[in-house]
PDB file of N, CA and C in Angstrom:
ATOM      1  N   MET A   1     147.482  56.715 137.718  1.00  0.00           N
ATOM      2  CA  MET A   1     147.080  56.884 136.268  1.00  0.00           C
ATOM      3  C   MET A   1     147.595  58.231 135.898  1.00  0.00           C
ATOM      4  N   THR A   2     148.244  58.373 134.711  1.00  0.00           N
ATOM      5  CA  THR A   2     148.830  59.512 134.241  1.00  0.00           C
ATOM      6  C   THR A   2     147.583  60.301 133.558  1.00  0.00           C
ATOM      7  N   PRO A   3     147.514  61.645 133.814  1.00  0.00           N
ATOM      8  CA  PRO A   3     146.536  62.438 133.284  1.00  0.00           C
ATOM      9  C   PRO A   3     146.693  62.527 131.669  1.00  0.00           C
ATOM     10  N   ASN A   4     145.540  62.560 130.970  1.00  0.00           N
ATOM     11  CA  ASN A   4     145.601  62.656 129.484  1.00  0.00           C
ATOM     12  C   ASN A   4     145.901  64.039 129.157  1.00  0.00           C
ATOM     13  N   PRO A   5     147.060  64.200 128.381  1.00  0.00           N
ATOM     14  CA  PRO A   5     147.547  65.549 127.950  1.00  0.00           C
ATOM     15  C   PRO A   5     146.560  66.334 127.186  1.00  0.00           C
ATOM     16  N   TYR A   6     145.668  65.637 126.420  1.00  0.00           N
ATOM     17  CA  TYR A   6     144.537  66.253 125.605  1.00  0.00           C
ATOM     18  C   TYR A   6     143.693  66.987 126.584  1.00  0.00           C
ATOM     19  N   TYR A   7     143.282  66.501 127.706  1.00  0.00           N
ATOM     20  CA  TYR A   7     142.427  67.048 128.567  1.00  0.00           C
ATOM     21  C   TYR A   7     142.982  68.179 129.411  1.00  0.00           C
ATOM     22  N   ILE A   8     144.282  68.025 129.659  1.00  0.00           N
ATOM     23  CA  ILE A   8     145.011  69.183 130.135  1.00  0.00           C
ATOM     24  C   ILE A   8     145.001  70.390 129.359  1.00  0.00           C
ATOM     25  N   TYR A   9     145.152  70.138 128.000  1.00  0.00           N
ATOM     26  CA  TYR A   9     145.058  71.154 127.014  1.00  0.00           C
ATOM     27  C   TYR A   9     143.722  71.662 126.988  1.00  0.00           C
ATOM     28  N   VAL A  10     142.647  70.834 127.001  1.00  0.00           N
ATOM     29  CA  VAL A  10     141.254  71.266 126.994  1.00  0.00           C
ATOM     30  C   VAL A  10     141.025  72.211 128.214  1.00  0.00           C
ATOM     31  N   THR A  11     141.537  71.768 129.352  1.00  0.00           N
ATOM     32  CA  THR A  11     141.516  72.563 130.537  1.00  0.00           C
ATOM     33  C   THR A  11     142.237  73.892 130.428  1.00  0.00           C
ATOM     34  N   LEU A  12     143.217  73.885 129.742  1.00  0.00           N
ATOM     35  CA  LEU A  12     144.038  75.230 129.550  1.00  0.00           C
ATOM     36  C   LEU A  12     143.190  76.189 128.666  1.00  0.00           C
ATOM     37  N   HIS A  13     142.753  75.494 127.546  1.00  0.00           N
ATOM     38  CA  HIS A  13     141.871  76.341 126.574  1.00  0.00           C
ATOM     39  C   HIS A  13     140.705  76.974 127.389  1.00  0.00           C
ATOM     40  N   LEU A  14     140.005  76.171 128.088  1.00  0.00           N
ATOM     41  CA  LEU A  14     138.814  76.685 128.910  1.00  0.00           C
ATOM     42  C   LEU A  14     139.125  77.718 129.884  1.00  0.00           C
ATOM     43  N   LEU A  15     140.390  77.464 130.514  1.00  0.00           N
ATOM     44  CA  LEU A  15     140.822  78.544 131.552  1.00  0.00           C
ATOM     45  C   LEU A  15     141.157  79.788 130.738  1.00  0.00           C
ATOM     46  N   GLU A  16     141.722  79.813 129.680  1.00  0.00           N
ATOM     47  CA  GLU A  16     142.012  80.998 128.954  1.00  0.00           C
ATOM     48  C   GLU A  16     140.748  81.696 128.376  1.00  0.00           C
ATOM     49  N   CYS A  17     139.760  80.965 128.122  1.00  0.00           N
ATOM     50  CA  CYS A  17     138.472  81.636 127.664  1.00  0.00           C
ATOM     51  C   CYS A  17     137.825  82.313 129.021  1.00  0.00           C
ATOM     52  N   LEU A  18     138.019  81.677 130.094  1.00  0.00           N
ATOM     53  CA  LEU A  18     137.435  82.307 131.391  1.00  0.00           C
ATOM     54  C   LEU A  18     138.333  83.442 131.822  1.00  0.00           C
ATOM     55  N   ASP A  19     139.559  83.401 131.651  1.00  0.00           N
ATOM     56  CA  ASP A  19     140.588  84.336 132.307  1.00  0.00           C
ATOM     57  C   ASP A  19     141.500  84.773 131.204  1.00  0.00           C
ATOM     58  N   GLU A  20     141.160  86.018 130.590  1.00  0.00           N
ATOM     59  CA  GLU A  20     141.996  86.511 129.393  1.00  0.00           C
ATOM     60  C   GLU A  20     143.477  86.793 129.893  1.00  0.00           C
ATOM     61  N   THR A  21     143.660  87.016 131.108  1.00  0.00           N
ATOM     62  CA  THR A  21     145.154  87.295 131.546  1.00  0.00           C
ATOM     63  C   THR A  21     145.989  86.075 131.427  1.00  0.00           C
ATOM     64  N   LEU A  22     145.386  84.945 131.535  1.00  0.00           N
ATOM     65  CA  LEU A  22     146.148  83.783 131.466  1.00  0.00           C
ATOM     66  C   LEU A  22     146.823  83.556 130.158  1.00  0.00           C
ATOM     67  N   ALA A  23     146.313  84.093 129.110  1.00  0.00           N
ATOM     68  CA  ALA A  23     146.890  84.048 127.747  1.00  0.00           C
ATOM     69  C   ALA A  23     148.191  84.617 127.648  1.00  0.00           C
ATOM     70  N   TYR A  24     148.527  85.609 128.624  1.00  0.00           N
ATOM     71  CA  TYR A  24     149.785  86.329 128.562  1.00  0.00           C
ATOM     72  C   TYR A  24     150.806  85.620 129.424  1.00  0.00           C
ATOM     73  N   GLU A  25     150.498  84.523 130.003  1.00  0.00           N
ATOM     74  CA  GLU A  25     151.616  83.751 130.864  1.00  0.00           C
ATOM     75  C   GLU A  25     152.369  82.987 129.901  1.00  0.00           C
ATOM     76  N   ALA A  26     153.619  82.648 130.346  1.00  0.00           N
ATOM     77  CA  ALA A  26     154.466  81.659 129.573  1.00  0.00           C
ATOM     78  C   ALA A  26     153.742  80.362 129.473  1.00  0.00           C
ATOM     79  N   LEU A  27     154.103  79.720 128.321  1.00  0.00           N
ATOM     80  CA  LEU A  27     153.400  78.486 128.100  1.00  0.00           C
ATOM     81  C   LEU A  27     153.645  77.352 129.234  1.00  0.00           C
ATOM     82  N   ASP A  28     154.869  77.236 129.569  1.00  0.00           N
ATOM     83  CA  ASP A  28     155.182  76.338 130.705  1.00  0.00           C
ATOM     84  C   ASP A  28     154.516  76.542 131.973  1.00  0.00           C
ATOM     85  N   ILE A  29     154.177  77.848 132.229  1.00  0.00           N
ATOM     86  CA  ILE A  29     153.400  78.233 133.489  1.00  0.00           C
ATOM     87  C   ILE A  29     152.086  77.889 133.249  1.00  0.00           C
ATOM     88  N   LYS A  30     151.497  78.242 132.075  1.00  0.00           N
ATOM     89  CA  LYS A  30     150.025  77.883 131.779  1.00  0.00           C
ATOM     90  C   LYS A  30     149.806  76.386 131.884  1.00  0.00           C
ATOM     91  N   TRP A  31     150.801  75.617 131.334  1.00  0.00           N
ATOM     92  CA  TRP A  31     150.646  74.203 131.433  1.00  0.00           C
ATOM     93  C   TRP A  31     150.567  73.619 132.725  1.00  0.00           C
ATOM     94  N   ASP A  32     151.495  74.146 133.600  1.00  0.00           N
ATOM     95  CA  ASP A  32     151.491  73.799 135.041  1.00  0.00           C
ATOM     96  C   ASP A  32     150.278  74.094 135.673  1.00  0.00           C
ATOM     97  N   ILE A  33     149.798  75.273 135.410  1.00  0.00           N
ATOM     98  CA  ILE A  33     148.455  75.680 136.068  1.00  0.00           C
ATOM     99  C   ILE A  33     147.340  74.759 135.617  1.00  0.00           C
ATOM    100  N   ALA A  34     147.310  74.592 134.260  1.00  0.00           N
ATOM    101  CA  ALA A  34     146.172  73.599 133.796  1.00  0.00           C
ATOM    102  C   ALA A  34     146.289  72.196 134.294  1.00  0.00           C
ATOM    103  N   SER A  35     147.495  71.813 134.568  1.00  0.00           N
ATOM    104  CA  SER A  35     147.736  70.455 134.994  1.00  0.00           C
ATOM    105  C   SER A  35     147.157  70.333 136.489  1.00  0.00           C
ATOM    106  N   GLU A  36     147.461  71.465 137.171  1.00  0.00           N
ATOM    107  CA  GLU A  36     146.980  71.424 138.668  1.00  0.00           C
ATOM    108  C   GLU A  36     145.389  71.520 138.648  1.00  0.00           C
ATOM    109  N   VAL A  37     144.910  72.297 137.920  1.00  0.00           N
ATOM    110  CA  VAL A  37     143.415  72.495 137.823  1.00  0.00           C
ATOM    111  C   VAL A  37     142.706  71.238 137.344  1.00  0.00           C
ATOM    112  N   TYR A  38     143.324  70.643 136.349  1.00  0.00           N
ATOM    113  CA  TYR A  38     142.821  69.312 135.809  1.00  0.00           C
ATOM    114  C   TYR A  38     142.743  68.299 136.880  1.00  0.00           C
ATOM    115  N   GLN A  39     143.924  68.194 137.700  1.00  0.00           N
ATOM    116  CA  GLN A  39     144.061  67.354 138.764  1.00  0.00           C
ATOM    117  C   GLN A  39     142.922  67.575 139.825  1.00  0.00           C
ATOM    118  N   LYS A  40     142.698  68.786 140.097  1.00  0.00           N
ATOM    119  CA  LYS A  40     141.566  69.197 140.994  1.00  0.00           C
ATOM    120  C   LYS A  40     140.237  68.641 140.484  1.00  0.00           C
ATOM    121  N   PHE A  41     140.149  68.893 139.181  1.00  0.00           N
ATOM    122  CA  PHE A  41     138.792  68.397 138.525  1.00  0.00           C
ATOM    123  C   PHE A  41     138.647  66.874 138.665  1.00  0.00           C
ATOM    124  N   LEU A  42     139.801  66.159 138.426  1.00  0.00           N
ATOM    125  CA  LEU A  42     139.734  64.631 138.575  1.00  0.00           C
ATOM    126  C   LEU A  42     139.253  64.214 139.838  1.00  0.00           C
ATOM    127  N   ASP A  43     139.557  65.059 140.886  1.00  0.00           N
ATOM    128  CA  ASP A  43     139.278  64.655 142.272  1.00  0.00           C
ATOM    129  C   ASP A  43     137.826  65.231 142.805  1.00  0.00           C
ATOM    130  N   SER A  44     137.312  66.008 141.877  1.00  0.00           N
ATOM    131  CA  SER A  44     136.003  66.607 142.199  1.00  0.00           C
ATOM    132  C   SER A  44     134.719  65.843 141.892  1.00  0.00           C
ATOM    133  N   LYS A  45     133.595  66.344 142.429  1.00  0.00           N
ATOM    134  CA  LYS A  45     132.364  65.789 142.151  1.00  0.00           C
ATOM    135  C   LYS A  45     131.880  65.894 140.710  1.00  0.00           C
ATOM    136  N   TYR A  46     132.573  66.842 140.013  1.00  0.00           N
ATOM    137  CA  TYR A  46     132.162  67.152 138.521  1.00  0.00           C
ATOM    138  C   TYR A  46     132.677  66.037 137.715  1.00  0.00           C
ATOM    139  N   ASN A  47     133.631  65.250 138.050  1.00  0.00           N
ATOM    140  CA  ASN A  47     134.239  64.139 137.167  1.00  0.00           C
ATOM    141  C   ASN A  47     133.304  62.893 137.226  1.00  0.00           C
ATOM    142  N   VAL A  48     132.254  62.976 136.336  1.00  0.00           N
ATOM    143  CA  VAL A  48     131.274  61.814 136.315  1.00  0.00           C
ATOM    144  C   VAL A  48     131.357  61.262 134.937  1.00  0.00           C
ATOM    145  N   GLU A  49     130.891  59.984 134.867  1.00  0.00           N
ATOM    146  CA  GLU A  49     130.912  59.359 133.618  1.00  0.00           C
ATOM    147  C   GLU A  49     129.612  59.352 132.760  1.00  0.00           C
ATOM    148  N   THR A  50     128.682  60.161 133.223  1.00  0.00           N
ATOM    149  CA  THR A  50     127.413  60.281 132.585  1.00  0.00           C
ATOM    150  C   THR A  50     127.476  61.345 131.562  1.00  0.00           C
ATOM    151  N   LYS A  51     128.482  62.141 131.441  1.00  0.00           N
ATOM    152  CA  LYS A  51     128.649  63.302 130.546  1.00  0.00           C
ATOM    153  C   LYS A  51     130.058  63.187 129.845  1.00  0.00           C
ATOM    154  N   SER A  52     130.212  63.949 128.851  1.00  0.00           N
ATOM    155  CA  SER A  52     131.563  63.942 128.244  1.00  0.00           C
ATOM    156  C   SER A  52     132.502  64.662 129.217  1.00  0.00           C
ATOM    157  N   GLU A  53     133.807  64.166 129.092  1.00  0.00           N
ATOM    158  CA  GLU A  53     134.714  64.846 129.968  1.00  0.00           C
ATOM    159  C   GLU A  53     134.903  66.287 129.751  1.00  0.00           C
ATOM    160  N   TYR A  54     134.768  66.775 128.478  1.00  0.00           N
ATOM    161  CA  TYR A  54     134.847  68.170 128.142  1.00  0.00           C
ATOM    162  C   TYR A  54     133.749  68.937 128.901  1.00  0.00           C
ATOM    163  N   ASP A  55     132.495  68.462 128.881  1.00  0.00           N
ATOM    164  CA  ASP A  55     131.421  69.061 129.460  1.00  0.00           C
ATOM    165  C   ASP A  55     131.588  69.093 130.948  1.00  0.00           C
ATOM    166  N   CYS A  56     132.127  68.001 131.540  1.00  0.00           N
ATOM    167  CA  CYS A  56     132.362  67.959 133.074  1.00  0.00           C
ATOM    168  C   CYS A  56     133.523  69.089 133.432  1.00  0.00           C
ATOM    169  N   ILE A  57     134.510  69.099 132.677  1.00  0.00           N
ATOM    170  CA  ILE A  57     135.618  70.185 132.834  1.00  0.00           C
ATOM    171  C   ILE A  57     135.015  71.551 132.808  1.00  0.00           C
ATOM    172  N   GLU A  58     134.203  71.761 131.841  1.00  0.00           N
ATOM    173  CA  GLU A  58     133.573  73.088 131.644  1.00  0.00           C
ATOM    174  C   GLU A  58     132.631  73.372 132.847  1.00  0.00           C
ATOM    175  N   GLU A  59     131.867  72.493 133.267  1.00  0.00           N
ATOM    176  CA  GLU A  59     131.073  72.572 134.412  1.00  0.00           C
ATOM    177  C   GLU A  59     131.939  72.956 135.682  1.00  0.00           C
ATOM    178  N   PHE A  60     132.841  72.172 135.824  1.00  0.00           N
ATOM    179  CA  PHE A  60     133.827  72.438 137.043  1.00  0.00           C
ATOM    180  C   PHE A  60     134.300  73.769 136.977  1.00  0.00           C
ATOM    181  N   LEU A  61     134.799  74.278 135.904  1.00  0.00           N
ATOM    182  CA  LEU A  61     135.485  75.639 135.795  1.00  0.00           C
ATOM    183  C   LEU A  61     134.353  76.599 136.025  1.00  0.00           C
ATOM    184  N   THR A  62     133.236  76.334 135.580  1.00  0.00           N
ATOM    185  CA  THR A  62     132.123  77.306 135.790  1.00  0.00           C
ATOM    186  C   THR A  62     131.615  77.537 137.162  1.00  0.00           C
ATOM    187  N   HIS A  63     131.659  76.337 137.979  1.00  0.00           N
ATOM    188  CA  HIS A  63     131.166  76.424 139.341  1.00  0.00           C
ATOM    189  C   HIS A  63     132.168  76.426 140.406  1.00  0.00           C
ATOM    190  N   GLU A  64     133.434  76.165 140.201  1.00  0.00           N
ATOM    191  CA  GLU A  64     134.387  76.185 141.214  1.00  0.00           C
ATOM    192  C   GLU A  64     135.279  77.367 141.001  1.00  0.00           C
ATOM    193  N   PRO A  65     135.533  78.064 142.131  1.00  0.00           N
ATOM    194  CA  PRO A  65     136.512  79.196 141.995  1.00  0.00           C
ATOM    195  C   PRO A  65     137.976  78.746 141.770  1.00  0.00           C
ATOM    196  N   ILE A  66     138.477  79.198 140.676  1.00  0.00           N
ATOM    197  CA  ILE A  66     139.866  78.857 140.350  1.00  0.00           C
ATOM    198  C   ILE A  66     140.724  80.046 140.285  1.00  0.00           C
ATOM    199  N   SER A  67     141.701  80.071 141.193  1.00  0.00           N
ATOM    200  CA  SER A  67     142.688  81.243 141.059  1.00  0.00           C
ATOM    201  C   SER A  67     144.036  80.718 140.750  1.00  0.00           C
ATOM    202  N   HIS A  68     144.611  81.188 139.632  1.00  0.00           N
ATOM    203  CA  HIS A  68     145.918  80.855 139.205  1.00  0.00           C
ATOM    204  C   HIS A  68     147.015  81.663 139.830  1.00  0.00           C
ATOM    205  N   ASP A  69     146.551  82.773 140.300  1.00  0.00           N
ATOM    206  CA  ASP A  69     147.593  83.820 140.903  1.00  0.00           C
ATOM    207  C   ASP A  69     148.210  83.182 142.171  1.00  0.00           C
ATOM    208  N   GLU A  70     147.467  82.473 142.910  1.00  0.00           N
ATOM    209  CA  GLU A  70     148.069  81.828 144.213  1.00  0.00           C
ATOM    210  C   GLU A  70     148.967  80.707 143.785  1.00  0.00           C
ATOM    211  N   ASP A  71     148.723  80.131 142.623  1.00  0.00           N
ATOM    212  CA  ASP A  71     149.705  79.042 142.297  1.00  0.00           C
ATOM    213  C   ASP A  71     151.010  79.556 141.855  1.00  0.00           C
ATOM    214  N   ASN A  72     151.179  80.764 141.409  1.00  0.00           N
ATOM    215  CA  ASN A  72     152.399  81.350 140.953  1.00  0.00           C
ATOM    216  C   ASN A  72     153.108  82.070 142.079  1.00  0.00           C
ATOM    217  N   GLU A  73     152.614  82.110 143.265  1.00  0.00           N
ATOM    218  CA  GLU A  73     153.324  82.940 144.332  1.00  0.00           C
ATOM    219  C   GLU A  73     154.296  81.942 145.074  1.00  0.00           C
TER     220      GLU A  73
END
C-alpha cells in the first residue's frame, strides 16, 4: 500500500511544530524524513482506527522519540 501523501505532509507539519530546526532543512530532505517517520507511525501501536489519523500521528510524535539527525548521517 502506497502511503497517502497528505498524511506525509501532515507528519511533516507536525514534525516542524515539534522541532523548529527542521524548518531550515531543504524540502526534499524534510519530505524524506517525514516519509520515514510516517512509515514508522504506520507500523506502530499508535496507528489505530478508533481515532482520526491526524490525532494518531500527533500522539505518535508526542510519545515516541524521533530524531531526524541520525537519518541525515
